[in-house]
Amino acid sequence: MSNKIEEAQEHIRQAEKSLKTSLLKWRPDYDFAADEYGKAATCFRNAKALDQSKECLLKASDCHRQNRAIFHAAKCLDQVILICKDMNALTEVRTYAEKACHLYQQHGSPESGAATLDKAAKILDGTRPEDALALYKQAVDVATIEDSSRQGAEYASKVARIMVKLKYYDEAADAIRREIGLHQQVGSDGAIGRLAVGLVLVQLARGDYVAAEKAFKEWGNCCDVAEVQTLESLLQAYDDEDPELAARALASPFIRHMDVEYARLARDLPLPKGATIAPKANVIENAAAEYISPNAGGSGAQGGKPAANDDDEEEGGLC
């Protein structure tokens, strides 16, 4: 280890020497310095001195940038991202990924920039999903600017899935629609059909049955037969407030085998509560036939006694 560190320090001394100017040397030798800093970074990394390795890579990137070797400057930042991963310094990954992407775009290699954003987002997906979401959004923008609809659709899919995982259902619905639009440009009807199912699930999670039905009517023609039958049953269940039918539809095989985020969404989706039935009125058993409610009209008896009938009155008069 000590030999590698000594070797790295020697490379640093050579790099610093090449950056000095004199009467006969008016301009620093950025190319040589970048190469020496790169070698020093490799030695430090082999010696597990990751902080020093990262510092040397940043210096190498700056030297390449000063030498107008923009692509190589970005490549150095790519290596910095991996060093940050090894150091568990994940808070810095997004910053270096965005800087690298900007340099790749300056060089005229936007696809490399989008790939760097994708790679960094994968590193952050499990622990910092918000940062990963921001990087995937930028990757979509970079890909669509370059008219790479297929690549853009792939990044848009990751945006939508993270939003579903974070329960950002409003934004997820918009992301799925954007993804559908990108798949339309490349004529991928099968992917659109699967996304229609995802969009219906997201709209139901939002509690918007009307929007879910509208999504099915708009994109259902891209679904296969099994998907159409399941979505029809699902929407009918929510319309009729039938929890059992909804549960059967959500347990269909193709929904359970969708991307993990959509499968979990279907599993946790609130079922319709079902129609409530008014309870029957209580009936008094063995009630007396002559019982009259106290709330009855003026024909009722006074003091709880039954009223005298007409026959009794006539008989009393004859006597």
C-alpha atoms as a PDB file:
ATOM      1  CA  MET A   1       0.000   0.000   0.000  1.00  0.00           C
ATOM      2  CA  SER A   2       2.769   2.433   0.941  1.00  0.00           C
ATOM      3  CA  ASN A   3       4.486   1.842  -2.390  1.00  0.00           C
ATOM      4  CA  LYS A   4       1.303   2.758  -4.266  1.00  0.00           C
ATOM      5  CA  ILE A   5       0.875   5.915  -2.216  1.00  0.00           C
ATOM      6  CA  GLU A   6       4.468   6.935  -2.824  1.00  0.00           C
ATOM      7  CA  GLU A   7       3.985   6.288  -6.534  1.00  0.00           C
ATOM      8  CA  ALA A   8       0.835   8.409  -6.507  1.00  0.00           C
ATOM      9  CA  GLN A   9       2.626  11.257  -4.764  1.00  0.00           C
ATOM     10  CA  GLU A  10       5.365  11.145  -7.377  1.00  0.00           C
ATOM     11  CA  HIS A  11       2.781  11.450 -10.139  1.00  0.00           C
ATOM     12  CA  ILE A  12       1.276  14.445  -8.343  1.00  0.00           C
ATOM     13  CA  ARG A  13       4.696  16.136  -8.139  1.00  0.00           C
ATOM     14  CA  GLN A  14       5.162  15.615 -11.874  1.00  0.00           C
ATOM     15  CA  ALA A  15       1.694  17.035 -12.577  1.00  0.00           C
ATOM     16  CA  GLU A  16       2.288  20.108 -10.445  1.00  0.00           C
ATOM     17  CA  LYS A  17       5.668  20.649 -12.099  1.00  0.00           C
ATOM     18  CA  SER A  18       4.107  20.530 -15.570  1.00  0.00           C
ATOM     19  CA  LEU A  19       1.575  23.196 -14.581  1.00  0.00           C
ATOM     20  CA  LYS A  20       4.267  25.722 -13.648  1.00  0.00           C
ATOM     21  CA  THR A  21       5.322  28.400 -16.121  1.00  0.00           C
ATOM     22  CA  SER A  22       8.650  30.130 -16.666  1.00  0.00           C
ATOM     23  CA  LEU A  23      10.324  32.573 -19.001  1.00  0.00           C
ATOM     24  CA  LEU A  24      10.751  29.858 -21.601  1.00  0.00           C
ATOM     25  CA  LYS A  25       7.472  28.049 -20.833  1.00  0.00           C
ATOM     26  CA  TRP A  26       4.544  30.381 -21.060  1.00  0.00           C
ATOM     27  CA  ARG A  27       1.692  27.882 -20.972  1.00  0.00           C
ATOM     28  CA  PRO A  28       1.059  25.019 -18.515  1.00  0.00           C
ATOM     29  CA  ASP A  29       1.129  21.531 -19.977  1.00  0.00           C
ATOM     30  CA  TYR A  30      -2.457  20.583 -19.121  1.00  0.00           C
ATOM     31  CA  ASP A  31      -2.374  17.397 -21.168  1.00  0.00           C
ATOM     32  CA  PHE A  32       0.611  15.959 -19.296  1.00  0.00           C
ATOM     33  CA  ALA A  33      -0.771  17.113 -15.927  1.00  0.00           C
ATOM     34  CA  ALA A  34      -4.130  15.460 -16.574  1.00  0.00           C
ATOM     35  CA  ASP A  35      -2.398  12.211 -17.435  1.00  0.00           C
ATOM     36  CA  GLU A  36      -0.270  12.316 -14.272  1.00  0.00           C
ATOM     37  CA  TYR A  37      -3.261  13.136 -12.065  1.00  0.00           C
ATOM     38  CA  GLY A  38      -5.113  10.217 -13.624  1.00  0.00           C
ATOM     39  CA  LYS A  39      -2.249   7.854 -12.821  1.00  0.00           C
ATOM     40  CA  ALA A  40      -2.092   9.192  -9.260  1.00  0.00           C
ATOM     41  CA  ALA A  41      -5.853   8.593  -8.884  1.00  0.00           C
ATOM     42  CA  THR A  42      -5.440   4.976  -9.971  1.00  0.00           C
ATOM     43  CA  CYS A  43      -2.616   4.415  -7.472  1.00  0.00           C
ATOM     44  CA  PHE A  44      -4.608   5.957  -4.637  1.00  0.00           C
ATOM     45  CA  ARG A  45      -7.621   3.843  -5.514  1.00  0.00           C
ATOM     46  CA  ASN A  46      -5.541   0.665  -5.485  1.00  0.00           C
ATOM     47  CA  ALA A  47      -4.274   1.716  -2.055  1.00  0.00           C
ATOM     48  CA  LYS A  48      -7.885   2.248  -0.876  1.00  0.00           C
ATOM     49  CA  ALA A  49      -7.200   5.966  -0.377  1.00  0.00           C
ATOM     50  CA  LEU A  50     -10.461   6.995  -1.989  1.00  0.00           C
ATOM     51  CA  ASP A  51     -10.497  10.634  -0.851  1.00  0.00           C
ATOM     52  CA  GLN A  52      -7.127  11.303  -2.511  1.00  0.00           C
ATOM     53  CA  SER A  53      -8.192   9.359  -5.603  1.00  0.00           C
ATOM     54  CA  LYS A  54     -11.316  11.500  -5.940  1.00  0.00           C
ATOM     55  CA  GLU A  55      -9.295  14.707  -5.517  1.00  0.00           C
ATOM     56  CA  CYS A  56      -6.838  13.672  -8.234  1.00  0.00           C
ATOM     57  CA  LEU A  57      -9.668  12.789 -10.636  1.00  0.00           C
ATOM     58  CA  LEU A  58     -11.253  16.209 -10.121  1.00  0.00           C
ATOM     59  CA  LYS A  59      -7.887  17.858 -10.864  1.00  0.00           C
ATOM     60  CA  ALA A  60      -7.472  15.683 -13.949  1.00  0.00           C
ATOM     61  CA  SER A  61     -10.952  16.682 -15.128  1.00  0.00           C
ATOM     62  CA  ASP A  62     -10.126  20.353 -14.666  1.00  0.00           C
ATOM     63  CA  CYS A  63      -6.879  19.967 -16.615  1.00  0.00           C
ATOM     64  CA  HIS A  64      -8.696  18.275 -19.492  1.00  0.00           C
ATOM     65  CA  ARG A  65     -11.250  21.074 -19.485  1.00  0.00           C
ATOM     66  CA  GLN A  66      -8.491  23.706 -19.564  1.00  0.00           C
ATOM     67  CA  ASN A  67      -6.997  21.805 -22.489  1.00  0.00           C
ATOM     68  CA  ARG A  68     -10.426  21.790 -24.199  1.00  0.00           C
ATOM     69  CA  ALA A  69     -10.572  18.002 -24.033  1.00  0.00           C
ATOM     70  CA  ILE A  70     -14.191  18.150 -22.887  1.00  0.00           C
ATOM     71  CA  PHE A  71     -14.966  14.473 -23.444  1.00  0.00           C
ATOM     72  CA  HIS A  72     -12.041  13.326 -21.279  1.00  0.00           C
ATOM     73  CA  ALA A  73     -13.047  15.828 -18.584  1.00  0.00           C
ATOM     74  CA  ALA A  74     -16.487  14.225 -18.475  1.00  0.00           C
ATOM     75  CA  LYS A  75     -14.973  10.729 -18.330  1.00  0.00           C
ATOM     76  CA  CYS A  76     -13.024  11.711 -15.233  1.00  0.00           C
ATOM     77  CA  LEU A  77     -16.262  12.813 -13.564  1.00  0.00           C
ATOM     78  CA  ASP A  78     -17.753   9.436 -14.474  1.00  0.00           C
ATOM     79  CA  GLN A  79     -14.999   7.856 -12.407  1.00  0.00           C
ATOM     80  CA  VAL A  80     -15.644  10.310  -9.574  1.00  0.00           C
ATOM     81  CA  ILE A  81     -19.236   9.058  -9.417  1.00  0.00           C
ATOM     82  CA  LEU A  82     -17.988   5.498  -8.906  1.00  0.00           C
ATOM     83  CA  ILE A  83     -15.578   6.690  -6.213  1.00  0.00           C
ATOM     84  CA  CYS A  84     -18.460   8.425  -4.420  1.00  0.00           C
ATOM     85  CA  LYS A  85     -20.421   5.184  -4.569  1.00  0.00           C
ATOM     86  CA  ASP A  86     -17.509   3.271  -3.003  1.00  0.00           C
ATOM     87  CA  MET A  87     -17.178   5.983  -0.320  1.00  0.00           C
ATOM     88  CA  ASN A  88     -20.946   5.934   0.290  1.00  0.00           C
ATOM     89  CA  ALA A  89     -20.927   9.686  -0.393  1.00  0.00           C
ATOM     90  CA  LEU A  90     -24.236   9.487  -2.238  1.00  0.00           C
ATOM     91  CA  THR A  91     -25.171  13.114  -1.627  1.00  0.00           C
ATOM     92  CA  GLU A  92     -22.500  14.143  -4.167  1.00  0.00           C
ATOM     93  CA  VAL A  93     -23.450  11.705  -6.933  1.00  0.00           C
ATOM     94  CA  ARG A  94     -26.211  13.822  -8.442  1.00  0.00           C
ATOM     95  CA  THR A  95     -23.998  16.932  -8.658  1.00  0.00           C
ATOM     96  CA  TYR A  96     -21.157  15.164 -10.485  1.00  0.00           C
ATOM     97  CA  ALA A  97     -23.588  13.352 -12.799  1.00  0.00           C
ATOM     98  CA  GLU A  98     -25.181  16.621 -13.859  1.00  0.00           C
ATOM     99  CA  LYS A  99     -21.763  18.201 -14.442  1.00  0.00           C
ATOM    100  CA  ALA A 100     -20.613  15.226 -16.509  1.00  0.00           C
ATOM    101  CA  CYS A 101     -23.805  15.283 -18.590  1.00  0.00           C
ATOM    102  CA  HIS A 102     -23.319  18.987 -19.292  1.00  0.00           C
ATOM    103  CA  LEU A 103     -19.763  18.358 -20.492  1.00  0.00           C
ATOM    104  CA  TYR A 104     -20.882  15.487 -22.721  1.00  0.00           C
ATOM    105  CA  GLN A 105     -23.500  17.739 -24.274  1.00  0.00           C
ATOM    106  CA  GLN A 106     -20.876  20.422 -24.860  1.00  0.00           C
ATOM    107  CA  HIS A 107     -18.730  17.854 -26.617  1.00  0.00           C
ATOM    108  CA  GLY A 108     -21.656  16.748 -28.795  1.00  0.00           C
ATOM    109  CA  SER A 109     -22.183  13.368 -27.133  1.00  0.00           C
ATOM    110  CA  PRO A 110     -25.604  13.707 -25.464  1.00  0.00           C
ATOM    111  CA  GLU A 111     -26.195   9.959 -25.490  1.00  0.00           C
ATOM    112  CA  SER A 112     -23.153   9.541 -23.228  1.00  0.00           C
ATOM    113  CA  GLY A 113     -24.544  12.255 -20.974  1.00  0.00           C
ATOM    114  CA  ALA A 114     -27.904  10.502 -20.710  1.00  0.00           C
ATOM    115  CA  ALA A 115     -26.128   7.218 -19.959  1.00  0.00           C
ATOM    116  CA  THR A 116     -24.209   8.901 -17.122  1.00  0.00           C
ATOM    117  CA  LEU A 117     -27.445  10.244 -15.647  1.00  0.00           C
ATOM    118  CA  ASP A 118     -28.980   6.777 -15.898  1.00  0.00           C
ATOM    119  CA  LYS A 119     -25.987   5.143 -14.231  1.00  0.00           C
ATOM    120  CA  ALA A 120     -25.999   7.664 -11.379  1.00  0.00           C
ATOM    121  CA  ALA A 121     -29.766   7.335 -10.909  1.00  0.00           C
ATOM    122  CA  LYS A 122     -29.429   3.558 -10.524  1.00  0.00           C
ATOM    123  CA  ILE A 123     -26.916   4.151  -7.740  1.00  0.00           C
ATOM    124  CA  LEU A 124     -29.365   6.467  -5.952  1.00  0.00           C
ATOM    125  CA  ASP A 125     -32.621   4.642  -6.664  1.00  0.00           C
ATOM    126  CA  GLY A 126     -32.694   2.573  -3.489  1.00  0.00           C
ATOM    127  CA  THR A 127     -31.558   5.187  -0.961  1.00  0.00           C
ATOM    128  CA  ARG A 128     -32.232   8.608  -2.514  1.00  0.00           C
ATOM    129  CA  PRO A 129     -35.222   8.151  -4.846  1.00  0.00           C
ATOM    130  CA  GLU A 130     -35.859  11.905  -5.115  1.00  0.00           C
ATOM    131  CA  ASP A 131     -32.380  12.485  -6.565  1.00  0.00           C
ATOM    132  CA  ALA A 132     -32.773   9.470  -8.837  1.00  0.00           C
ATOM    133  CA  LEU A 133     -36.094  10.867 -10.065  1.00  0.00           C
ATOM    134  CA  ALA A 134     -34.487  14.217 -10.919  1.00  0.00           C
ATOM    135  CA  LEU A 135     -31.691  12.496 -12.876  1.00  0.00           C
ATOM    136  CA  TYR A 136     -34.103  10.298 -14.836  1.00  0.00           C
ATOM    137  CA  LYS A 137     -36.176  13.371 -15.734  1.00  0.00           C
ATOM    138  CA  GLN A 138     -33.053  15.052 -17.107  1.00  0.00           C
ATOM    139  CA  ALA A 139     -32.195  11.894 -19.039  1.00  0.00           C
ATOM    140  CA  VAL A 140     -35.648  11.973 -20.666  1.00  0.00           C
ATOM    141  CA  ASP A 141     -35.110  15.592 -21.693  1.00  0.00           C
ATOM    142  CA  VAL A 142     -31.652  14.881 -23.135  1.00  0.00           C
ATOM    143  CA  ALA A 143     -32.919  11.876 -25.106  1.00  0.00           C
ATOM    144  CA  THR A 144     -35.967  13.663 -26.510  1.00  0.00           C
ATOM    145  CA  ILE A 145     -33.895  16.684 -27.563  1.00  0.00           C
ATOM    146  CA  GLU A 146     -31.831  14.302 -29.680  1.00  0.00           C
ATOM    147  CA  ASP A 147     -35.004  12.683 -31.118  1.00  0.00           C
ATOM    148  CA  SER A 148     -34.173   9.368 -29.476  1.00  0.00           C
ATOM    149  CA  SER A 149     -37.774   8.429 -28.665  1.00  0.00           C
ATOM    150  CA  ARG A 150     -37.025   4.806 -27.822  1.00  0.00           C
ATOM    151  CA  GLN A 151     -34.327   5.733 -25.298  1.00  0.00           C
ATOM    152  CA  GLY A 152     -36.483   8.533 -23.956  1.00  0.00           C
ATOM    153  CA  ALA A 153     -39.362   6.100 -23.406  1.00  0.00           C
ATOM    154  CA  GLU A 154     -37.056   3.853 -21.379  1.00  0.00           C
ATOM    155  CA  TYR A 155     -36.057   6.732 -19.094  1.00  0.00           C
ATOM    156  CA  ALA A 156     -39.678   7.954 -18.892  1.00  0.00           C
ATOM    157  CA  SER A 157     -40.697   4.486 -17.713  1.00  0.00           C
ATOM    158  CA  LYS A 158     -38.254   4.774 -14.827  1.00  0.00           C
ATOM    159  CA  VAL A 159     -39.617   8.229 -13.977  1.00  0.00           C
ATOM    160  CA  ALA A 160     -43.180   6.890 -13.810  1.00  0.00           C
ATOM    161  CA  ARG A 161     -42.227   3.864 -11.715  1.00  0.00           C
ATOM    162  CA  ILE A 162     -40.377   5.950  -9.124  1.00  0.00           C
ATOM    163  CA  MET A 163     -43.346   8.321  -8.910  1.00  0.00           C
ATOM    164  CA  VAL A 164     -45.676   5.374  -8.306  1.00  0.00           C
ATOM    165  CA  LYS A 165     -43.303   4.073  -5.619  1.00  0.00           C
ATOM    166  CA  LEU A 166     -43.289   7.506  -3.946  1.00  0.00           C
ATOM    167  CA  LYS A 167     -47.102   7.699  -4.325  1.00  0.00           C
ATOM    168  CA  TYR A 168     -46.911  10.849  -6.471  1.00  0.00           C
ATOM    169  CA  TYR A 169     -49.959   9.669  -8.378  1.00  0.00           C
ATOM    170  CA  ASP A 170     -50.828  12.955 -10.106  1.00  0.00           C
ATOM    171  CA  GLU A 171     -47.301  13.291 -11.487  1.00  0.00           C
ATOM    172  CA  ALA A 172     -47.188   9.569 -12.277  1.00  0.00           C
ATOM    173  CA  ALA A 173     -50.262   9.870 -14.502  1.00  0.00           C
ATOM    174  CA  ASP A 174     -48.598  12.684 -16.465  1.00  0.00           C
ATOM    175  CA  ALA A 175     -45.351  10.690 -16.736  1.00  0.00           C
ATOM    176  CA  ILE A 176     -47.205   7.638 -18.077  1.00  0.00           C
ATOM    177  CA  ARG A 177     -48.948   9.776 -20.701  1.00  0.00           C
ATOM    178  CA  ARG A 178     -45.584  11.161 -21.777  1.00  0.00           C
ATOM    179  CA  GLU A 179     -44.202   7.647 -21.991  1.00  0.00           C
ATOM    180  CA  ILE A 180     -47.182   6.596 -24.105  1.00  0.00           C
ATOM    181  CA  GLY A 181     -46.499   9.508 -26.447  1.00  0.00           C
ATOM    182  CA  LEU A 182     -42.875   8.421 -26.899  1.00  0.00           C
ATOM    183  CA  HIS A 183     -43.948   4.831 -27.628  1.00  0.00           C
ATOM    184  CA  GLN A 184     -46.420   6.164 -30.202  1.00  0.00           C
ATOM    185  CA  GLN A 185     -43.540   7.766 -32.072  1.00  0.00           C
ATOM    186  CA  VAL A 186     -41.839   4.382 -32.465  1.00  0.00           C
ATOM    187  CA  GLY A 187     -45.079   2.432 -33.007  1.00  0.00           C
ATOM    188  CA  SER A 188     -44.825   0.183 -29.954  1.00  0.00           C
ATOM    189  CA  ASP A 189     -48.501  -0.724 -29.431  1.00  0.00           C
ATOM    190  CA  GLY A 190     -47.759  -3.605 -27.070  1.00  0.00           C
ATOM    191  CA  ALA A 191     -45.959  -1.286 -24.650  1.00  0.00           C
ATOM    192  CA  ILE A 192     -48.816   1.221 -24.907  1.00  0.00           C
ATOM    193  CA  GLY A 193     -51.300  -1.503 -23.922  1.00  0.00           C
ATOM    194  CA  ARG A 194     -49.344  -2.320 -20.767  1.00  0.00           C
ATOM    195  CA  LEU A 195     -49.051   1.356 -19.941  1.00  0.00           C
ATOM    196  CA  ALA A 196     -52.829   1.739 -20.354  1.00  0.00           C
ATOM    197  CA  VAL A 197     -53.258  -0.826 -17.578  1.00  0.00           C
ATOM    198  CA  GLY A 198     -50.789   1.098 -15.403  1.00  0.00           C
ATOM    199  CA  LEU A 199     -52.553   4.383 -16.094  1.00  0.00           C
ATOM    200  CA  VAL A 200     -55.930   2.904 -15.094  1.00  0.00           C
ATOM    201  CA  LEU A 201     -54.423   1.651 -11.825  1.00  0.00           C
ATOM    202  CA  VAL A 202     -52.860   5.047 -11.090  1.00  0.00           C
ATOM    203  CA  GLN A 203     -56.143   6.864 -11.774  1.00  0.00           C
ATOM    204  CA  LEU A 204     -57.983   4.485  -9.446  1.00  0.00           C
ATOM    205  CA  ALA A 205     -55.312   5.114  -6.798  1.00  0.00           C
ATOM    206  CA  ARG A 206     -56.068   8.822  -7.213  1.00  0.00           C
ATOM    207  CA  GLY A 207     -59.714   8.002  -6.534  1.00  0.00           C
ATOM    208  CA  ASP A 208     -60.755   9.243  -9.981  1.00  0.00           C
ATOM    209  CA  TYR A 209     -62.919   6.539 -11.557  1.00  0.00           C
ATOM    210  CA  VAL A 210     -63.939   8.827 -14.445  1.00  0.00           C
ATOM    211  CA  ALA A 211     -60.294   9.422 -15.421  1.00  0.00           C
ATOM    212  CA  ALA A 212     -59.612   5.685 -15.192  1.00  0.00           C
ATOM    213  CA  GLU A 213     -62.511   4.913 -17.532  1.00  0.00           C
ATOM    214  CA  LYS A 214     -61.384   7.657 -19.905  1.00  0.00           C
ATOM    215  CA  ALA A 215     -57.849   6.200 -20.012  1.00  0.00           C
ATOM    216  CA  PHE A 216     -59.262   2.785 -20.892  1.00  0.00           C
ATOM    217  CA  LYS A 217     -61.458   4.188 -23.657  1.00  0.00           C
ATOM    218  CA  GLU A 218     -58.528   6.171 -25.066  1.00  0.00           C
ATOM    219  CA  TRP A 219     -55.846   3.471 -25.026  1.00  0.00           C
ATOM    220  CA  GLY A 220     -57.755   0.210 -24.603  1.00  0.00           C
ATOM    221  CA  ASN A 221     -57.516  -0.532 -28.324  1.00  0.00           C
ATOM    222  CA  CYS A 222     -53.775  -1.172 -27.777  1.00  0.00           C
ATOM    223  CA  CYS A 223     -54.422  -3.813 -25.090  1.00  0.00           C
ATOM    224  CA  ASP A 224     -54.596  -7.522 -25.799  1.00  0.00           C
ATOM    225  CA  VAL A 225     -57.722  -9.580 -25.115  1.00  0.00           C
ATOM    226  CA  ALA A 226     -56.818 -10.622 -21.561  1.00  0.00           C
ATOM    227  CA  GLU A 227     -55.949  -7.046 -20.599  1.00  0.00           C
ATOM    228  CA  VAL A 228     -59.203  -5.711 -22.052  1.00  0.00           C
ATOM    229  CA  GLN A 229     -61.295  -8.290 -20.192  1.00  0.00           C
ATOM    230  CA  THR A 230     -59.526  -7.604 -16.911  1.00  0.00           C
ATOM    231  CA  LEU A 231     -59.847  -3.824 -17.216  1.00  0.00           C
ATOM    232  CA  GLU A 232     -63.523  -4.100 -18.135  1.00  0.00           C
ATOM    233  CA  SER A 233     -64.146  -6.263 -15.041  1.00  0.00           C
ATOM    234  CA  LEU A 234     -62.124  -3.913 -12.853  1.00  0.00           C
ATOM    235  CA  LEU A 235     -63.929  -0.779 -13.996  1.00  0.00           C
ATOM    236  CA  GLN A 236     -67.303  -2.514 -13.752  1.00  0.00           C
ATOM    237  CA  ALA A 237     -66.457  -3.554 -10.190  1.00  0.00           C
ATOM    238  CA  TYR A 238     -65.684   0.016  -9.162  1.00  0.00           C
ATOM    239  CA  ASP A 239     -68.795   1.290 -10.945  1.00  0.00           C
ATOM    240  CA  ASP A 240     -71.000  -1.286  -9.171  1.00  0.00           C
ATOM    241  CA  GLU A 241     -69.047  -0.981  -5.899  1.00  0.00           C
ATOM    242  CA  ASP A 242     -68.350  -4.705  -5.969  1.00  0.00           C
ATOM    243  CA  PRO A 243     -65.231  -5.443  -3.845  1.00  0.00           C
ATOM    244  CA  GLU A 244     -65.142  -9.164  -4.674  1.00  0.00           C
ATOM    245  CA  LEU A 245     -65.121  -8.598  -8.442  1.00  0.00           C
ATOM    246  CA  ALA A 246     -62.470  -5.880  -8.040  1.00  0.00           C
ATOM    247  CA  ALA A 247     -60.256  -8.202  -5.994  1.00  0.00           C
ATOM    248  CA  ARG A 248     -60.512 -10.938  -8.643  1.00  0.00           C
ATOM    249  CA  ALA A 249     -59.611  -8.490 -11.414  1.00  0.00           C
ATOM    250  CA  LEU A 250     -56.621  -7.110  -9.494  1.00  0.00           C
ATOM    251  CA  ALA A 251     -55.381 -10.652  -8.867  1.00  0.00           C
ATOM    252  CA  SER A 252     -55.196 -11.447 -12.584  1.00  0.00           C
ATOM    253  CA  PRO A 253     -51.853 -12.958 -13.659  1.00  0.00           C
ATOM    254  CA  PHE A 254     -50.715 -10.212 -16.005  1.00  0.00           C
ATOM    255  CA  ILE A 255     -51.259  -7.513 -13.353  1.00  0.00           C
ATOM    256  CA  ARG A 256     -49.286  -9.523 -10.778  1.00  0.00           C
ATOM    257  CA  HIS A 257     -46.451  -9.884 -13.319  1.00  0.00           C
ATOM    258  CA  MET A 258     -46.242  -6.204 -14.242  1.00  0.00           C
ATOM    259  CA  ASP A 259     -43.317  -4.056 -13.075  1.00  0.00           C
ATOM    260  CA  VAL A 260     -42.882  -4.315  -9.311  1.00  0.00           C
ATOM    261  CA  GLU A 261     -44.199  -0.816  -8.625  1.00  0.00           C
ATOM    262  CA  TYR A 262     -47.457  -1.404 -10.527  1.00  0.00           C
ATOM    263  CA  ALA A 263     -47.926  -4.876  -9.011  1.00  0.00           C
ATOM    264  CA  ARG A 264     -47.573  -3.397  -5.527  1.00  0.00           C
ATOM    265  CA  LEU A 265     -49.943  -0.587  -6.444  1.00  0.00           C
ATOM    266  CA  ALA A 266     -52.570  -3.137  -7.520  1.00  0.00           C
ATOM    267  CA  ARG A 267     -52.022  -5.110  -4.321  1.00  0.00           C
ATOM    268  CA  ASP A 268     -52.511  -2.040  -2.110  1.00  0.00           C
ATOM    269  CA  LEU A 269     -55.294  -0.426  -4.147  1.00  0.00           C
ATOM    270  CA  PRO A 270     -58.343   0.359  -1.948  1.00  0.00           C
ATOM    271  CA  LEU A 271     -61.284  -1.809  -2.988  1.00  0.00           C
ATOM    272  CA  PRO A 272     -64.783  -0.369  -3.442  1.00  0.00           C
ATOM    273  CA  LYS A 273     -66.722  -0.533  -0.186  1.00  0.00           C
ATOM    274  CA  GLY A 274     -69.885  -2.057  -1.641  1.00  0.00           C
ATOM    275  CA  ALA A 275     -73.461  -0.792  -1.584  1.00  0.00           C
ATOM    276  CA  THR A 276     -74.933  -0.345   1.894  1.00  0.00           C
ATOM    277  CA  ILE A 277     -78.385  -1.849   2.663  1.00  0.00           C
ATOM    278  CA  ALA A 278     -80.696  -0.045   5.093  1.00  0.00           C
ATOM    279  CA  PRO A 279     -81.445  -2.158   8.193  1.00  0.00           C
ATOM    280  CA  LYS A 280     -84.961  -3.565   8.557  1.00  0.00           C
ATOM    281  CA  ALA A 281     -87.286  -1.977  11.107  1.00  0.00           C
ATOM    282  CA  ASN A 282     -87.800  -3.884  14.339  1.00  0.00           C
ATOM    283  CA  VAL A 283     -91.183  -5.675  14.584  1.00  0.00           C
ATOM    284  CA  ILE A 284     -92.908  -6.165  17.956  1.00  0.00           C
ATOM    285  CA  GLU A 285     -93.855  -9.801  18.214  1.00  0.00           C
ATOM    286  CA  ASN A 286     -97.241 -10.852  19.747  1.00  0.00           C
ATOM    287  CA  ALA A 287     -98.447  -7.269  19.857  1.00  0.00           C
ATOM    288  CA  ALA A 288    -102.116  -6.804  20.950  1.00  0.00           C
ATOM    289  CA  ALA A 289    -104.484  -6.409  18.015  1.00  0.00           C
ATOM    290  CA  GLU A 290    -106.208  -3.392  19.592  1.00  0.00           C
ATOM    291  CA  TYR A 291    -102.928  -1.520  20.092  1.00  0.00           C
ATOM    292  CA  ILE A 292    -103.105   2.033  18.724  1.00  0.00           C
ATOM    293  CA  SER A 293    -100.112   4.294  18.570  1.00  0.00           C
ATOM    294  CA  PRO A 294    -100.243   7.372  20.795  1.00  0.00           C
ATOM    295  CA  ASN A 295     -99.217   9.384  17.703  1.00  0.00           C
ATOM    296  CA  ALA A 296    -102.410   8.447  15.862  1.00  0.00           C
ATOM    297  CA  GLY A 297    -105.122  10.999  14.965  1.00  0.00           C
ATOM    298  CA  GLY A 298    -108.024  12.301  17.072  1.00  0.00           C
ATOM    299  CA  SER A 299    -110.042   9.106  16.621  1.00  0.00           C
ATOM    300  CA  GLY A 300    -107.873   7.411  19.249  1.00  0.00           C
ATOM    301  CA  ALA A 301    -109.126   6.744  22.780  1.00  0.00           C
ATOM    302  CA  GLN A 302    -108.475   9.085  25.697  1.00  0.00           C
ATOM    303  CA  GLY A 303    -106.400   7.862  28.590  1.00  0.00           C
ATOM    304  CA  GLY A 304    -105.447   4.621  26.861  1.00  0.00           C
ATOM    305  CA  LYS A 305    -109.037   3.202  26.946  1.00  0.00           C
ATOM    306  CA  PRO A 306    -110.650   1.937  23.740  1.00  0.00           C
ATOM    307  CA  ALA A 307    -113.368   4.216  22.274  1.00  0.00           C
ATOM    308  CA  ALA A 308    -116.971   3.069  22.465  1.00  0.00           C
ATOM    309  CA  ASN A 309    -118.385   1.827  19.193  1.00  0.00           C
ATOM    310  CA  ASP A 310    -121.606   3.007  17.539  1.00  0.00           C
ATOM    311  CA  ASP A 311    -123.562  -0.137  18.421  1.00  0.00           C
ATOM    312  CA  ASP A 312    -123.020   0.444  22.139  1.00  0.00           C
ATOM    313  CA  GLU A 313    -124.273   4.013  21.841  1.00  0.00           C
ATOM    314  CA  GLU A 314    -127.430   2.876  19.988  1.00  0.00           C
ATOM    315  CA  GLU A 315    -128.159   0.166  22.539  1.00  0.00           C
ATOM    316  CA  GLY A 316    -127.819   2.662  25.400  1.00  0.00           C
ATOM    317  CA  GLY A 317    -130.302   4.996  23.696  1.00  0.00           C
ATOM    318  CA  LEU A 318    -132.979   2.352  23.340  1.00  0.00           C
ATOM    319  CA  CYS A 319    -132.824   1.615  27.046  1.00  0.00           C
END
